[in-house]
N, C-alpha and C. Protein backbone atom coordinates (compact mmCIF):
# COMPACT_ATOMS: atom_id res chain seq x y z
N MET A 1 2.39 6.58 7.23
CA MET A 1 2.38 6.27 5.82
C MET A 1 3.61 6.84 5.12
N THR A 2 3.92 8.07 5.45
CA THR A 2 5.01 8.74 4.75
C THR A 2 6.37 8.16 5.07
N THR A 3 6.66 7.96 6.33
CA THR A 3 8.01 7.50 6.68
C THR A 3 8.15 5.99 6.61
N GLU A 4 7.21 5.26 7.17
CA GLU A 4 7.36 3.82 7.26
C GLU A 4 7.04 3.09 5.97
N PHE A 5 6.17 3.62 5.16
CA PHE A 5 5.84 2.98 3.89
C PHE A 5 6.54 3.69 2.73
N HIS A 6 6.12 4.90 2.47
CA HIS A 6 6.62 5.64 1.31
C HIS A 6 8.15 5.67 1.28
N GLY A 7 8.75 6.05 2.39
CA GLY A 7 10.20 6.15 2.46
C GLY A 7 10.91 4.83 2.21
N ASN A 8 10.32 3.74 2.66
CA ASN A 8 10.96 2.44 2.48
C ASN A 8 10.84 1.89 1.06
N PHE A 9 10.04 2.51 0.23
CA PHE A 9 9.96 2.09 -1.17
C PHE A 9 11.09 2.70 -2.02
N ARG A 10 11.85 3.61 -1.46
CA ARG A 10 12.90 4.30 -2.21
C ARG A 10 13.79 3.36 -3.03
N PRO A 11 14.31 2.28 -2.47
CA PRO A 11 15.21 1.42 -3.25
C PRO A 11 14.56 0.80 -4.50
N PHE A 12 13.24 0.73 -4.51
CA PHE A 12 12.55 0.13 -5.66
C PHE A 12 12.37 1.11 -6.82
N PHE A 13 12.64 2.39 -6.55
CA PHE A 13 12.47 3.41 -7.58
C PHE A 13 13.78 4.06 -8.00
N HIS A 14 14.88 3.56 -7.48
CA HIS A 14 16.19 4.10 -7.84
C HIS A 14 17.05 2.99 -8.42
N VAL A 15 17.49 3.20 -9.64
CA VAL A 15 18.27 2.16 -10.32
C VAL A 15 19.61 1.90 -9.64
N ASP A 16 20.10 2.85 -8.87
CA ASP A 16 21.39 2.67 -8.21
C ASP A 16 21.28 1.91 -6.88
N ALA A 17 20.07 1.54 -6.48
CA ALA A 17 19.89 0.80 -5.23
C ALA A 17 20.46 -0.61 -5.38
N THR A 18 21.08 -1.08 -4.32
CA THR A 18 21.67 -2.43 -4.36
C THR A 18 20.62 -3.47 -4.03
N HIS A 19 20.96 -4.71 -4.34
CA HIS A 19 20.09 -5.84 -4.01
C HIS A 19 19.87 -5.89 -2.50
N ALA A 20 20.92 -5.65 -1.75
CA ALA A 20 20.84 -5.67 -0.28
C ALA A 20 19.90 -4.57 0.22
N GLU A 21 19.94 -3.40 -0.38
CA GLU A 21 19.03 -2.31 0.02
C GLU A 21 17.58 -2.68 -0.26
N ARG A 22 17.36 -3.30 -1.41
CA ARG A 22 15.99 -3.72 -1.75
C ARG A 22 15.51 -4.82 -0.81
N ASP A 23 16.37 -5.77 -0.48
CA ASP A 23 15.99 -6.84 0.46
C ASP A 23 15.64 -6.28 1.82
N LYS A 24 16.45 -5.36 2.30
CA LYS A 24 16.20 -4.73 3.61
C LYS A 24 14.86 -3.99 3.59
N ALA A 25 14.62 -3.23 2.53
CA ALA A 25 13.38 -2.48 2.40
C ALA A 25 12.19 -3.44 2.31
N ARG A 26 12.34 -4.51 1.56
CA ARG A 26 11.26 -5.49 1.41
C ARG A 26 10.87 -6.07 2.79
N LYS A 27 11.86 -6.43 3.59
CA LYS A 27 11.59 -7.00 4.91
C LYS A 27 10.86 -5.99 5.81
N LEU A 28 11.30 -4.75 5.77
CA LEU A 28 10.64 -3.71 6.56
C LEU A 28 9.20 -3.49 6.10
N LEU A 29 9.00 -3.46 4.80
CA LEU A 29 7.66 -3.22 4.27
C LEU A 29 6.72 -4.37 4.61
N VAL A 30 7.19 -5.60 4.51
CA VAL A 30 6.36 -6.75 4.87
C VAL A 30 5.92 -6.62 6.33
N LYS A 31 6.84 -6.24 7.19
CA LYS A 31 6.55 -6.04 8.62
C LYS A 31 5.52 -4.92 8.81
N HIS A 32 5.72 -3.80 8.13
CA HIS A 32 4.80 -2.67 8.27
C HIS A 32 3.41 -2.99 7.73
N PHE A 33 3.36 -3.72 6.61
CA PHE A 33 2.05 -4.09 6.07
C PHE A 33 1.32 -5.03 7.03
N ALA A 34 2.04 -5.93 7.67
CA ALA A 34 1.41 -6.83 8.65
C ALA A 34 0.86 -6.02 9.82
N THR A 35 1.61 -5.02 10.27
CA THR A 35 1.15 -4.18 11.38
C THR A 35 -0.12 -3.43 11.00
N ILE A 36 -0.13 -2.84 9.83
CA ILE A 36 -1.31 -2.04 9.46
C ILE A 36 -2.51 -2.93 9.18
N ALA A 37 -2.28 -4.15 8.70
CA ALA A 37 -3.39 -5.09 8.51
C ALA A 37 -4.04 -5.39 9.85
N GLY A 38 -3.23 -5.57 10.89
CA GLY A 38 -3.76 -5.80 12.22
C GLY A 38 -4.53 -4.60 12.75
N GLN A 39 -4.02 -3.42 12.49
CA GLN A 39 -4.70 -2.19 12.93
C GLN A 39 -6.01 -1.99 12.18
N LEU A 40 -6.04 -2.38 10.92
CA LEU A 40 -7.25 -2.24 10.11
C LEU A 40 -8.35 -3.15 10.65
N GLY A 41 -7.96 -4.36 11.01
CA GLY A 41 -8.95 -5.30 11.53
C GLY A 41 -10.07 -5.52 10.53
N ASP A 42 -11.30 -5.50 11.01
CA ASP A 42 -12.47 -5.74 10.16
C ASP A 42 -13.12 -4.45 9.65
N ARG A 43 -12.52 -3.32 9.99
CA ARG A 43 -13.11 -2.04 9.57
C ARG A 43 -12.96 -1.88 8.05
N PRO A 44 -13.87 -1.13 7.44
CA PRO A 44 -13.76 -0.90 6.00
C PRO A 44 -12.67 0.11 5.63
N PHE A 45 -12.32 0.98 6.60
CA PHE A 45 -11.31 2.01 6.35
C PHE A 45 -10.35 2.07 7.52
N LEU A 46 -9.22 2.72 7.33
CA LEU A 46 -8.18 2.74 8.35
C LEU A 46 -8.59 3.38 9.66
N VAL A 47 -9.42 4.42 9.58
CA VAL A 47 -9.75 5.16 10.80
C VAL A 47 -11.23 5.03 11.14
N GLY A 48 -11.85 3.94 10.77
CA GLY A 48 -13.24 3.73 11.13
C GLY A 48 -14.13 3.45 9.95
N ASP A 49 -15.31 4.06 9.96
CA ASP A 49 -16.32 3.78 8.94
C ASP A 49 -16.32 4.75 7.77
N ARG A 50 -15.41 5.72 7.79
CA ARG A 50 -15.35 6.71 6.70
C ARG A 50 -13.93 6.77 6.14
N MET A 51 -13.86 7.00 4.85
CA MET A 51 -12.56 7.14 4.20
C MET A 51 -11.92 8.46 4.63
N THR A 52 -10.63 8.39 4.93
CA THR A 52 -9.84 9.58 5.21
C THR A 52 -8.69 9.63 4.21
N ILE A 53 -7.86 10.63 4.28
CA ILE A 53 -6.73 10.77 3.36
C ILE A 53 -5.76 9.59 3.47
N ALA A 54 -5.74 8.94 4.62
CA ALA A 54 -4.85 7.80 4.81
C ALA A 54 -5.22 6.62 3.91
N ASP A 55 -6.49 6.48 3.58
CA ASP A 55 -6.93 5.34 2.77
C ASP A 55 -6.41 5.40 1.32
N PRO A 56 -6.59 6.51 0.60
CA PRO A 56 -6.01 6.54 -0.75
C PRO A 56 -4.48 6.42 -0.74
N TYR A 57 -3.87 6.94 0.30
CA TYR A 57 -2.41 6.82 0.42
C TYR A 57 -2.03 5.35 0.55
N LEU A 58 -2.78 4.61 1.37
CA LEU A 58 -2.50 3.18 1.51
C LEU A 58 -2.77 2.44 0.19
N VAL A 59 -3.75 2.87 -0.56
CA VAL A 59 -4.02 2.26 -1.87
C VAL A 59 -2.77 2.35 -2.74
N VAL A 60 -2.17 3.52 -2.79
CA VAL A 60 -0.95 3.70 -3.59
C VAL A 60 0.16 2.79 -3.09
N MET A 61 0.34 2.72 -1.78
CA MET A 61 1.40 1.88 -1.22
C MET A 61 1.16 0.41 -1.53
N LEU A 62 -0.10 -0.01 -1.52
CA LEU A 62 -0.42 -1.40 -1.85
C LEU A 62 -0.21 -1.68 -3.34
N MET A 63 -0.48 -0.70 -4.17
CA MET A 63 -0.23 -0.88 -5.60
C MET A 63 1.27 -0.95 -5.87
N TRP A 64 2.05 -0.16 -5.16
CA TRP A 64 3.50 -0.23 -5.29
C TRP A 64 4.00 -1.60 -4.82
N ALA A 65 3.40 -2.10 -3.73
CA ALA A 65 3.80 -3.42 -3.23
C ALA A 65 3.54 -4.49 -4.29
N GLU A 66 2.39 -4.42 -4.91
CA GLU A 66 2.04 -5.38 -5.96
C GLU A 66 3.03 -5.28 -7.12
N LYS A 67 3.31 -4.07 -7.54
CA LYS A 67 4.23 -3.84 -8.66
C LYS A 67 5.63 -4.39 -8.36
N ASN A 68 6.04 -4.30 -7.10
CA ASN A 68 7.39 -4.72 -6.72
C ASN A 68 7.42 -6.09 -6.04
N GLU A 69 6.32 -6.82 -6.18
CA GLU A 69 6.22 -8.19 -5.67
C GLU A 69 6.55 -8.29 -4.18
N ILE A 70 5.96 -7.38 -3.42
CA ILE A 70 6.13 -7.38 -1.97
C ILE A 70 4.87 -8.01 -1.38
N GLU A 71 5.07 -9.01 -0.58
CA GLU A 71 3.95 -9.76 -0.01
C GLU A 71 3.21 -8.92 1.03
N VAL A 72 1.89 -8.91 0.89
CA VAL A 72 1.05 -8.22 1.88
C VAL A 72 0.01 -9.22 2.39
N PRO A 73 -0.48 -9.01 3.60
CA PRO A 73 -1.51 -9.91 4.14
C PRO A 73 -2.78 -9.91 3.29
N LYS A 74 -3.47 -11.04 3.30
CA LYS A 74 -4.72 -11.18 2.54
C LYS A 74 -5.70 -10.05 2.90
N ARG A 75 -5.73 -9.68 4.16
CA ARG A 75 -6.65 -8.62 4.59
C ARG A 75 -6.42 -7.34 3.79
N LEU A 76 -5.17 -7.03 3.49
CA LEU A 76 -4.88 -5.82 2.73
C LEU A 76 -5.21 -6.00 1.24
N ASN A 77 -5.08 -7.21 0.73
CA ASN A 77 -5.51 -7.45 -0.65
C ASN A 77 -7.02 -7.25 -0.77
N ASP A 78 -7.76 -7.73 0.24
CA ASP A 78 -9.21 -7.54 0.26
C ASP A 78 -9.57 -6.06 0.39
N TYR A 79 -8.82 -5.36 1.23
CA TYR A 79 -9.03 -3.93 1.43
C TYR A 79 -8.81 -3.17 0.11
N LEU A 80 -7.74 -3.51 -0.59
CA LEU A 80 -7.45 -2.85 -1.86
C LEU A 80 -8.56 -3.11 -2.87
N ALA A 81 -9.03 -4.34 -2.94
CA ALA A 81 -10.13 -4.67 -3.86
C ALA A 81 -11.37 -3.85 -3.51
N HIS A 82 -11.66 -3.72 -2.22
CA HIS A 82 -12.80 -2.91 -1.78
C HIS A 82 -12.61 -1.44 -2.16
N MET A 83 -11.42 -0.91 -1.90
CA MET A 83 -11.15 0.50 -2.21
C MET A 83 -11.34 0.78 -3.70
N LYS A 84 -10.95 -0.15 -4.54
CA LYS A 84 -11.06 0.04 -5.99
C LYS A 84 -12.51 0.09 -6.46
N THR A 85 -13.46 -0.36 -5.62
CA THR A 85 -14.87 -0.31 -6.00
C THR A 85 -15.53 1.02 -5.63
N ILE A 86 -14.85 1.82 -4.84
CA ILE A 86 -15.41 3.12 -4.44
C ILE A 86 -15.31 4.05 -5.65
N PRO A 87 -16.42 4.64 -6.07
CA PRO A 87 -16.43 5.44 -7.31
C PRO A 87 -15.32 6.48 -7.41
N SER A 88 -15.07 7.23 -6.36
CA SER A 88 -14.04 8.28 -6.44
C SER A 88 -12.65 7.67 -6.61
N VAL A 89 -12.39 6.55 -5.97
CA VAL A 89 -11.10 5.88 -6.11
C VAL A 89 -10.97 5.29 -7.51
N ALA A 90 -12.02 4.63 -7.97
CA ALA A 90 -12.01 4.05 -9.31
C ALA A 90 -11.78 5.12 -10.38
N LYS A 91 -12.43 6.26 -10.22
CA LYS A 91 -12.25 7.36 -11.18
C LYS A 91 -10.82 7.87 -11.15
N ALA A 92 -10.28 8.08 -9.97
CA ALA A 92 -8.90 8.58 -9.86
C ALA A 92 -7.91 7.60 -10.50
N LEU A 93 -8.10 6.31 -10.25
CA LEU A 93 -7.21 5.31 -10.84
C LEU A 93 -7.33 5.30 -12.37
N THR A 94 -8.55 5.43 -12.85
CA THR A 94 -8.77 5.47 -14.30
C THR A 94 -8.16 6.73 -14.90
N ASP A 95 -8.41 7.88 -14.27
CA ASP A 95 -7.86 9.15 -14.76
C ASP A 95 -6.33 9.14 -14.81
N GLU A 96 -5.71 8.43 -13.88
CA GLU A 96 -4.25 8.34 -13.83
C GLU A 96 -3.69 7.21 -14.69
N GLY A 97 -4.57 6.46 -15.34
CA GLY A 97 -4.13 5.35 -16.19
C GLY A 97 -3.59 4.17 -15.39
N LEU A 98 -4.12 3.95 -14.19
CA LEU A 98 -3.60 2.90 -13.31
C LEU A 98 -4.48 1.65 -13.27
N VAL A 99 -5.48 1.60 -14.12
CA VAL A 99 -6.32 0.39 -14.23
C VAL A 99 -6.36 -0.08 -15.66
C-alpha cells in the first residue's frame, strides 16, 4: 500500500509535477488497482473475513483515485461502497469531512 499506491500518487499532490509524471503514475496506479482487485476476489476484506489496517488504507487510496479520475476496477468500486457502510469507517469519513 505504501510504496505501490501511496508513493505513486505523489505527482497528483505536487503542483510542480509534469503531465508526463502524472501520466506515468496514472498507468502504474491503474495496473496496481487491477492487481489488488484480483487479490481481493470475492472476499469482503483484503485479508479475509475481518477488516485489517490495510482496508482503511485502501479506502483512502480509492478515494484519491476517484478525486484524480484514475480508473479502478468495478470490484474495487463495490468494495469502497461496502467499506463506507461499516459504522467505524463511516464515522471516520464523517469526522474528517470526507462525506
